[in-house]
Amino acid sequence: MIETTSAAAGFAPVAATEQALRPHAEDAFADELAALAAADDRPRPARWNMSPWAVATYLLGGTLSDGTVISPKYVGPRRIVEVAVTTLATDRALLLLGVPGTAKTWVSEHLAAAISGDSTLLVQGTAGTPEEAIRYGWNYAQLLTNGPSRAALVHSPLMRAMEEGRIARVEELTRIPADVQDSLITILSEKTLPIPELGTETQAVRGFNLIATANDRDRGVNDLSSALRRRFNTVVLPLPANAEDEVEIVSRRVDQLGRGLDLPAAPRGADEIRRVVTVFRELRSGTTEDGRTKLKSPSGTLSTAEAISVVTNGLALAAHFGDGVLRASDVAAGILGAVVRDPAADRLIWQEYLETVVRERDGWKDFYRACREVSA
């Protein structure tokens, strides 16, 4: 267990895993992972903590023979999860593709946690991600003192994963500059990382693989070269198929976040959660639930992740400035911020939606008034 201290400031040591705002998946769901591994008697690929069947069960949820309940981490088509898990059992890397808010990062983290017991071998892709983040760097003090050597190498997460036979993760792959992206080609095709300064290489051991995520709606990003894309098996994560699935996803994730933030629990599928999900789905699709009214869609994505953020923020408002019960007034401002990204065009779209749809909907009068108040 890692401990952080600040003796000069007079603070006592704090156990990092006990105080973490967002524990890693392997820590937050350690009991479920242990139960699955103990009950799993199916064949396991080399250096996998459990079989592909158990990994899929961990993500999709289920009940073990001893009565242990495994909570679902992903709500969606089972075949998508099975294809993703099977890909990682081969020599092909996995690319999770989808619009923002389709749980790409969430799925990649839980896959790594279930397979390797370690989801932290991560490269976060940005426009400033250097090649060293993917290959390796140098400890310049040792480099200047003793010259190039293995001891002077600073291992990247991918290099560590190759040596240990674990799953590495690359988030937002298409945000990484194209020349840095292509440093993955040799790793994925030859399963080796050349170190020309030492005249040697690091070869991947069995169990190594890579999960990358990419957003297919980003603008001004770096498309993958055809050579790199061929090294991946691409799995597209869809938006929730229906409102009930999306309400379940939002309710479950808000409940998890709320426990970590000491917020009051919102009833599963609470009215305000259903309203937020309904608004987002209708504006996202450009039509009302009954299909009778066509709508203009705003410029934002209005993803499930944004719905989770709106409801979580509403619970915080209810806890700190209300009576602890989630109400329309608690989520109204969050919805406005999510919908109105372009102050000129999106505000008109939102006003039209309020007046033509929300105002006329039975049982939504309080929601209409709350949204009108924050929109004024």
Protein backbone atom coordinates (compact mmCIF):
# COMPACT_ATOMS: atom_id res chain seq x y z
CA MET A 1 0.00 0.00 0.00
CA ILE A 2 1.39 3.40 -0.97
CA GLU A 3 1.59 6.07 1.69
CA THR A 4 2.02 9.78 1.17
CA THR A 5 3.42 11.96 3.94
CA SER A 6 4.16 15.59 4.61
CA ALA A 7 6.07 15.58 7.87
CA ALA A 8 7.17 19.21 7.52
CA ALA A 9 3.56 20.32 7.46
CA GLY A 10 2.73 18.14 10.46
CA PHE A 11 0.45 15.72 8.62
CA ALA A 12 0.22 12.07 9.61
CA PRO A 13 0.73 9.41 6.90
CA VAL A 14 -2.39 8.71 4.86
CA ALA A 15 -3.02 5.41 3.11
CA ALA A 16 -3.54 6.37 -0.50
CA THR A 17 -5.89 3.55 -1.41
CA GLU A 18 -8.17 4.33 1.56
CA GLN A 19 -8.42 8.02 0.73
CA ALA A 20 -8.46 7.82 -3.08
CA LEU A 21 -11.18 9.93 -4.64
CA ARG A 22 -11.50 7.41 -7.45
CA PRO A 23 -9.98 4.01 -6.62
CA HIS A 24 -8.63 1.92 -9.48
CA ALA A 25 -11.01 -0.77 -10.68
CA GLU A 26 -8.87 -3.57 -9.21
CA ASP A 27 -9.17 -1.90 -5.79
CA ALA A 28 -12.82 -0.83 -5.94
CA PHE A 29 -14.00 -4.28 -7.07
CA ALA A 30 -11.32 -6.43 -5.41
CA ASP A 31 -13.89 -8.69 -3.70
CA GLU A 32 -15.69 -9.45 -6.97
CA LEU A 33 -12.42 -10.13 -8.79
CA ALA A 34 -11.27 -12.48 -6.03
CA ALA A 35 -14.59 -14.35 -6.00
CA LEU A 36 -14.57 -14.77 -9.76
CA ALA A 37 -10.97 -15.97 -9.83
CA ALA A 38 -11.70 -18.50 -7.07
CA ALA A 39 -14.80 -19.87 -8.83
CA ASP A 40 -13.24 -19.87 -12.30
CA ASP A 41 -12.19 -23.35 -13.44
CA ARG A 42 -12.01 -22.63 -17.17
CA PRO A 43 -8.78 -22.44 -19.22
CA ARG A 44 -6.88 -19.16 -18.84
CA PRO A 45 -4.55 -17.61 -21.40
CA ALA A 46 -0.95 -17.13 -20.25
CA ARG A 47 -0.63 -14.65 -17.35
CA TRP A 48 -4.37 -13.94 -17.26
CA ASN A 49 -5.86 -13.78 -13.77
CA MET A 50 -9.05 -15.45 -15.01
CA SER A 51 -10.57 -17.03 -18.09
CA PRO A 52 -12.20 -15.05 -20.90
CA TRP A 53 -15.60 -16.27 -19.67
CA ALA A 54 -14.91 -14.88 -16.19
CA VAL A 55 -13.68 -11.56 -17.62
CA ALA A 56 -16.93 -11.20 -19.59
CA THR A 57 -18.95 -12.11 -16.49
CA TYR A 58 -17.07 -9.45 -14.50
CA LEU A 59 -18.00 -6.77 -17.04
CA LEU A 60 -21.58 -7.86 -17.71
CA GLY A 61 -22.51 -9.06 -14.24
CA GLY A 62 -24.00 -12.31 -13.00
CA THR A 63 -24.41 -14.61 -10.02
CA LEU A 64 -21.80 -17.23 -9.16
CA SER A 65 -22.60 -20.75 -7.95
CA ASP A 66 -21.86 -19.75 -4.35
CA GLY A 67 -24.39 -16.92 -4.55
CA THR A 68 -21.87 -14.10 -5.02
CA VAL A 69 -23.42 -11.31 -7.09
CA ILE A 70 -21.16 -9.70 -9.68
CA SER A 71 -22.36 -6.19 -10.50
CA PRO A 72 -22.50 -5.20 -14.17
CA LYS A 73 -19.80 -2.70 -15.18
CA TYR A 74 -21.10 -2.32 -18.74
CA VAL A 75 -24.71 -2.34 -19.91
CA GLY A 76 -24.83 -3.22 -23.58
CA PRO A 77 -24.74 -6.09 -26.10
CA ARG A 78 -22.99 -9.15 -24.71
CA ARG A 79 -21.39 -9.96 -28.05
CA ILE A 80 -19.45 -6.67 -28.00
CA VAL A 81 -17.81 -7.61 -24.70
CA GLU A 82 -17.12 -11.16 -25.89
CA VAL A 83 -15.41 -9.90 -29.06
CA ALA A 84 -13.31 -7.43 -27.05
CA VAL A 85 -12.20 -10.09 -24.56
CA THR A 86 -11.47 -12.64 -27.28
CA THR A 87 -9.36 -10.09 -29.17
CA LEU A 88 -7.13 -9.60 -26.13
CA ALA A 89 -6.58 -13.37 -25.96
CA THR A 90 -5.02 -13.23 -29.44
CA ASP A 91 -2.04 -11.26 -30.75
CA ARG A 92 -4.28 -8.46 -32.04
CA ALA A 93 -4.55 -5.19 -30.14
CA LEU A 94 -8.01 -3.82 -29.29
CA LEU A 95 -9.33 -0.42 -30.35
CA LEU A 96 -12.50 0.74 -28.59
CA LEU A 97 -14.17 3.30 -30.81
CA GLY A 98 -17.27 5.39 -30.18
CA VAL A 99 -18.81 8.76 -29.54
CA PRO A 100 -18.05 10.51 -26.23
CA GLY A 101 -19.73 8.96 -23.24
CA THR A 102 -20.01 5.37 -24.49
CA ALA A 103 -17.84 4.03 -21.63
CA LYS A 104 -14.70 3.36 -23.68
CA THR A 105 -12.33 4.31 -20.86
CA TRP A 106 -14.50 2.54 -18.29
CA VAL A 107 -14.50 -0.69 -20.31
CA SER A 108 -10.76 -0.55 -21.01
CA GLU A 109 -9.98 -0.03 -17.32
CA HIS A 110 -12.12 -2.96 -16.21
CA LEU A 111 -10.75 -5.24 -18.92
CA ALA A 112 -7.20 -4.52 -17.76
CA ALA A 113 -8.17 -4.95 -14.11
CA ALA A 114 -9.82 -8.32 -14.72
CA ILE A 115 -7.11 -9.72 -16.99
CA SER A 116 -3.93 -8.36 -15.40
CA GLY A 117 -5.07 -7.14 -12.00
CA ASP A 118 -3.52 -3.78 -12.90
CA SER A 119 -5.26 -1.00 -14.83
CA THR A 120 -2.54 1.60 -14.20
CA LEU A 121 -0.25 0.85 -17.17
CA LEU A 122 -1.75 3.83 -18.94
CA VAL A 123 -0.66 6.38 -21.53
CA GLN A 124 -3.03 9.37 -21.68
CA GLY A 125 -3.11 10.68 -25.23
CA THR A 126 -2.91 14.43 -25.78
CA ALA A 127 -1.54 16.74 -28.45
CA GLY A 128 1.64 16.96 -26.36
CA THR A 129 2.22 13.24 -25.77
CA PRO A 130 5.90 12.56 -26.59
CA GLU A 131 7.35 9.42 -28.09
CA GLU A 132 9.03 8.67 -24.76
CA ALA A 133 5.61 8.10 -23.19
CA ILE A 134 5.10 5.14 -25.52
CA ARG A 135 8.67 3.81 -25.93
CA TYR A 136 11.04 4.76 -23.10
CA GLY A 137 12.92 7.72 -21.65
CA TRP A 138 16.19 8.26 -19.83
CA ASN A 139 17.28 9.10 -16.31
CA TYR A 140 19.57 11.92 -17.36
CA ALA A 141 21.55 11.94 -14.12
CA GLN A 142 22.58 8.32 -14.67
CA LEU A 143 22.94 8.86 -18.41
CA LEU A 144 25.44 11.69 -17.93
CA THR A 145 27.30 9.87 -15.16
CA ASN A 146 27.54 6.36 -16.58
CA GLY A 147 26.43 6.67 -20.18
CA PRO A 148 23.59 4.66 -21.82
CA SER A 149 22.68 1.54 -19.87
CA ARG A 150 19.65 -0.49 -18.85
CA ALA A 151 19.81 1.13 -15.43
CA ALA A 152 19.44 4.57 -17.01
CA LEU A 153 16.27 3.61 -18.91
CA VAL A 154 12.93 5.00 -17.74
CA HIS A 155 10.33 2.42 -18.66
CA SER A 156 7.11 3.57 -20.29
CA PRO A 157 3.85 1.86 -19.27
CA LEU A 158 3.96 -0.09 -22.55
CA MET A 159 7.52 -1.25 -21.94
CA ARG A 160 6.57 -2.46 -18.46
CA ALA A 161 3.53 -4.28 -19.85
CA MET A 162 5.70 -5.99 -22.47
CA GLU A 163 8.21 -7.18 -19.86
CA GLU A 164 5.57 -8.33 -17.37
CA GLY A 165 3.03 -9.81 -19.80
CA ARG A 166 0.25 -7.43 -18.84
CA ILE A 167 -2.39 -5.28 -20.55
CA ALA A 168 -1.37 -1.71 -21.40
CA ARG A 169 -3.83 1.08 -22.17
CA VAL A 170 -3.63 4.10 -24.47
CA GLU A 171 -6.42 6.64 -24.02
CA GLU A 172 -7.52 9.03 -26.79
CA LEU A 173 -5.17 7.51 -29.37
CA THR A 174 -6.28 9.90 -32.12
CA ARG A 175 -5.22 12.92 -30.05
CA ILE A 176 -1.59 11.76 -30.13
CA PRO A 177 0.53 13.24 -32.98
CA ALA A 178 0.71 10.93 -35.99
CA ASP A 179 4.47 10.36 -35.80
CA VAL A 180 4.16 9.34 -32.14
CA GLN A 181 1.21 7.06 -32.93
CA ASP A 182 3.30 5.20 -35.48
CA SER A 183 5.86 4.24 -32.84
CA LEU A 184 3.25 1.62 -31.87
CA ILE A 185 3.54 -0.19 -35.23
CA THR A 186 6.69 -2.16 -34.39
CA ILE A 187 5.39 -2.96 -30.91
CA LEU A 188 2.10 -4.31 -32.25
CA SER A 189 3.39 -6.11 -35.31
CA GLU A 190 6.74 -7.49 -34.13
CA LYS A 191 5.93 -7.54 -30.38
CA THR A 192 9.29 -5.97 -29.74
CA LEU A 193 10.62 -2.56 -28.72
CA PRO A 194 14.04 -1.74 -30.21
CA ILE A 195 16.52 0.16 -28.01
CA PRO A 196 19.08 1.32 -30.61
CA GLU A 197 21.14 3.29 -28.07
CA LEU A 198 22.02 -0.03 -26.38
CA GLY A 199 21.96 -2.19 -29.49
CA THR A 200 19.27 -4.36 -27.94
CA GLU A 201 15.51 -4.74 -27.65
CA THR A 202 12.70 -5.60 -25.26
CA GLN A 203 10.52 -8.47 -26.41
CA ALA A 204 6.95 -8.83 -25.22
CA VAL A 205 6.25 -11.89 -23.13
CA ARG A 206 3.04 -13.88 -23.40
CA GLY A 207 0.09 -12.10 -21.85
CA PHE A 208 1.00 -8.68 -23.23
CA ASN A 209 -1.58 -6.78 -25.24
CA LEU A 210 -2.84 -3.25 -25.77
CA ILE A 211 -6.24 -1.57 -25.42
CA ALA A 212 -6.60 1.81 -27.12
CA THR A 213 -9.61 4.13 -27.12
CA ALA A 214 -10.59 6.76 -29.68
CA ASN A 215 -13.43 9.21 -30.09
CA ASP A 216 -14.95 9.06 -33.58
CA ARG A 217 -16.53 12.53 -33.32
CA ASP A 218 -13.46 14.56 -32.45
CA ARG A 219 -12.55 17.31 -34.88
CA GLY A 220 -9.04 18.37 -35.77
CA VAL A 221 -7.43 15.18 -34.47
CA ASN A 222 -4.88 12.82 -35.97
CA ASP A 223 -6.44 9.98 -37.92
CA LEU A 224 -4.74 6.62 -37.58
CA SER A 225 -2.54 5.59 -40.48
CA SER A 226 -3.77 2.55 -42.38
CA ALA A 227 -0.66 0.67 -41.24
CA LEU A 228 -1.50 1.28 -37.58
CA ARG A 229 -5.23 0.69 -37.94
CA ARG A 230 -4.52 -2.76 -39.43
CA ARG A 231 -2.79 -3.73 -36.18
CA PHE A 232 -6.02 -3.27 -34.23
CA ASN A 233 -9.25 -5.16 -34.03
CA THR A 234 -11.84 -2.35 -33.79
CA VAL A 235 -14.89 -2.70 -31.55
CA VAL A 236 -17.47 0.09 -31.73
CA LEU A 237 -19.25 0.84 -28.46
CA PRO A 238 -22.77 2.12 -29.21
CA LEU A 239 -24.92 4.53 -27.29
CA PRO A 240 -27.48 2.83 -25.01
CA ALA A 241 -30.11 1.15 -27.15
CA ASN A 242 -33.11 2.39 -25.17
CA ALA A 243 -34.06 4.79 -22.42
CA GLU A 244 -34.35 2.08 -19.75
CA ASP A 245 -30.77 0.95 -20.33
CA GLU A 246 -29.51 4.52 -20.18
CA VAL A 247 -31.45 5.26 -16.98
CA GLU A 248 -29.93 2.12 -15.45
CA ILE A 249 -26.40 3.15 -16.48
CA VAL A 250 -26.81 6.67 -15.13
CA SER A 251 -28.43 5.49 -11.89
CA ARG A 252 -25.76 2.88 -11.21
CA ARG A 253 -22.82 5.17 -11.96
CA VAL A 254 -24.26 8.10 -9.99
CA ASP A 255 -24.76 5.77 -7.04
CA GLN A 256 -21.10 4.68 -7.21
CA LEU A 257 -19.84 8.25 -7.50
CA GLY A 258 -22.17 9.47 -4.78
CA ARG A 259 -20.89 6.93 -2.25
CA GLY A 260 -17.34 8.11 -2.86
CA LEU A 261 -18.37 11.76 -2.39
CA ASP A 262 -20.66 11.14 0.60
CA LEU A 263 -23.70 12.38 -1.33
CA PRO A 264 -27.25 11.27 -0.62
CA ALA A 265 -28.41 8.32 -2.68
CA ALA A 266 -30.90 8.97 -5.45
CA PRO A 267 -33.50 6.21 -5.84
CA ARG A 268 -32.65 3.90 -8.73
CA GLY A 269 -34.37 5.30 -11.82
CA ALA A 270 -35.57 8.42 -9.94
CA ASP A 271 -37.88 10.80 -11.81
CA GLU A 272 -35.20 13.45 -12.25
CA ILE A 273 -32.76 10.91 -13.68
CA ARG A 274 -35.42 9.78 -16.17
CA ARG A 275 -36.07 13.39 -17.14
CA VAL A 276 -32.39 14.13 -17.74
CA VAL A 277 -32.01 10.97 -19.81
CA THR A 278 -35.18 11.73 -21.79
CA VAL A 279 -34.06 15.29 -22.58
CA PHE A 280 -30.63 14.14 -23.70
CA ARG A 281 -31.97 11.29 -25.84
CA GLU A 282 -34.59 13.46 -27.55
CA LEU A 283 -32.21 16.31 -28.36
CA ARG A 284 -29.51 13.84 -29.41
CA SER A 285 -31.81 11.96 -31.80
CA GLY A 286 -33.70 14.99 -33.11
CA THR A 287 -37.12 13.63 -32.28
CA THR A 288 -39.38 13.16 -29.25
CA GLU A 289 -39.89 9.75 -27.64
CA ASP A 290 -43.23 9.25 -29.37
CA GLY A 291 -41.75 10.22 -32.74
CA ARG A 292 -44.37 12.92 -33.35
CA THR A 293 -42.21 16.02 -33.08
CA LYS A 294 -39.00 16.71 -34.96
CA LEU A 295 -36.37 18.62 -33.02
CA LYS A 296 -33.21 20.52 -33.79
CA SER A 297 -30.10 19.00 -32.20
CA PRO A 298 -27.61 21.24 -30.38
CA SER A 299 -23.88 21.21 -31.08
CA GLY A 300 -22.94 19.16 -27.99
CA THR A 301 -22.87 15.36 -27.87
CA LEU A 302 -25.26 15.05 -24.87
CA SER A 303 -23.66 11.74 -23.96
CA THR A 304 -24.47 9.34 -21.16
CA ALA A 305 -21.33 10.55 -19.38
CA GLU A 306 -22.68 14.11 -19.44
CA ALA A 307 -26.01 12.89 -18.04
CA ILE A 308 -24.10 11.24 -15.19
CA SER A 309 -22.27 14.51 -14.54
CA VAL A 310 -25.52 16.53 -14.51
CA VAL A 311 -27.21 14.19 -12.03
CA THR A 312 -24.13 13.96 -9.79
CA ASN A 313 -23.88 17.75 -9.68
CA GLY A 314 -27.60 17.92 -8.91
CA LEU A 315 -27.15 15.54 -5.98
CA ALA A 316 -24.35 17.76 -4.65
CA LEU A 317 -26.64 20.80 -4.88
CA ALA A 318 -29.41 18.90 -3.10
CA ALA A 319 -27.02 17.77 -0.36
CA HIS A 320 -25.29 21.09 0.33
CA PHE A 321 -27.94 23.67 -0.54
CA GLY A 322 -31.21 21.74 -0.32
CA ASP A 323 -32.93 19.07 1.71
CA GLY A 324 -31.00 16.13 0.25
CA VAL A 325 -33.77 15.16 -2.18
CA LEU A 326 -32.97 15.48 -5.89
CA ARG A 327 -35.41 17.89 -7.54
CA ALA A 328 -35.89 19.55 -10.93
CA SER A 329 -34.24 22.76 -9.72
CA ASP A 330 -31.07 20.79 -8.86
CA VAL A 331 -30.54 19.43 -12.38
CA ALA A 332 -31.82 22.40 -14.43
CA ALA A 333 -28.59 24.42 -14.42
CA GLY A 334 -26.52 21.34 -15.29
CA ILE A 335 -28.75 20.54 -18.25
CA LEU A 336 -28.50 24.12 -19.50
CA GLY A 337 -24.70 23.94 -19.35
CA ALA A 338 -24.63 20.62 -21.20
CA VAL A 339 -27.05 21.67 -23.94
CA VAL A 340 -26.00 25.27 -24.59
CA ARG A 341 -22.41 25.03 -25.84
CA ASP A 342 -22.88 27.58 -28.62
CA PRO A 343 -24.54 30.58 -26.89
CA ALA A 344 -26.16 31.79 -30.10
CA ALA A 345 -27.49 28.70 -31.86
CA ASP A 346 -27.90 26.27 -28.98
CA ARG A 347 -29.80 28.69 -26.76
CA LEU A 348 -32.50 29.09 -29.43
CA ILE A 349 -32.71 25.30 -29.82
CA TRP A 350 -33.09 24.87 -26.05
CA GLN A 351 -35.77 27.57 -25.77
CA GLU A 352 -37.74 26.01 -28.61
CA TYR A 353 -37.52 22.57 -26.97
CA LEU A 354 -38.73 23.97 -23.65
CA GLU A 355 -41.72 25.71 -25.18
CA THR A 356 -42.83 23.06 -27.67
CA VAL A 357 -42.08 19.85 -25.78
CA VAL A 358 -41.38 20.31 -22.05
CA ARG A 359 -44.14 22.86 -21.45
CA GLU A 360 -46.81 20.57 -22.88
CA ARG A 361 -45.65 17.36 -21.22
CA ASP A 362 -47.80 16.01 -18.37
CA GLY A 363 -46.08 16.01 -14.99
CA TRP A 364 -43.18 18.18 -16.15
CA LYS A 365 -44.45 21.59 -14.97
CA ASP A 366 -41.88 21.84 -12.15
CA PHE A 367 -39.10 20.87 -14.55
CA TYR A 368 -40.28 23.48 -17.07
CA ARG A 369 -40.36 26.23 -14.45
CA ALA A 370 -36.90 25.31 -13.13
CA CYS A 371 -35.39 25.31 -16.62
CA ARG A 372 -37.08 28.59 -17.53
CA GLU A 373 -35.73 30.17 -14.37
CA VAL A 374 -32.09 29.26 -15.03
CA SER A 375 -32.44 30.09 -18.75
CA ALA A 376 -33.76 33.61 -18.14
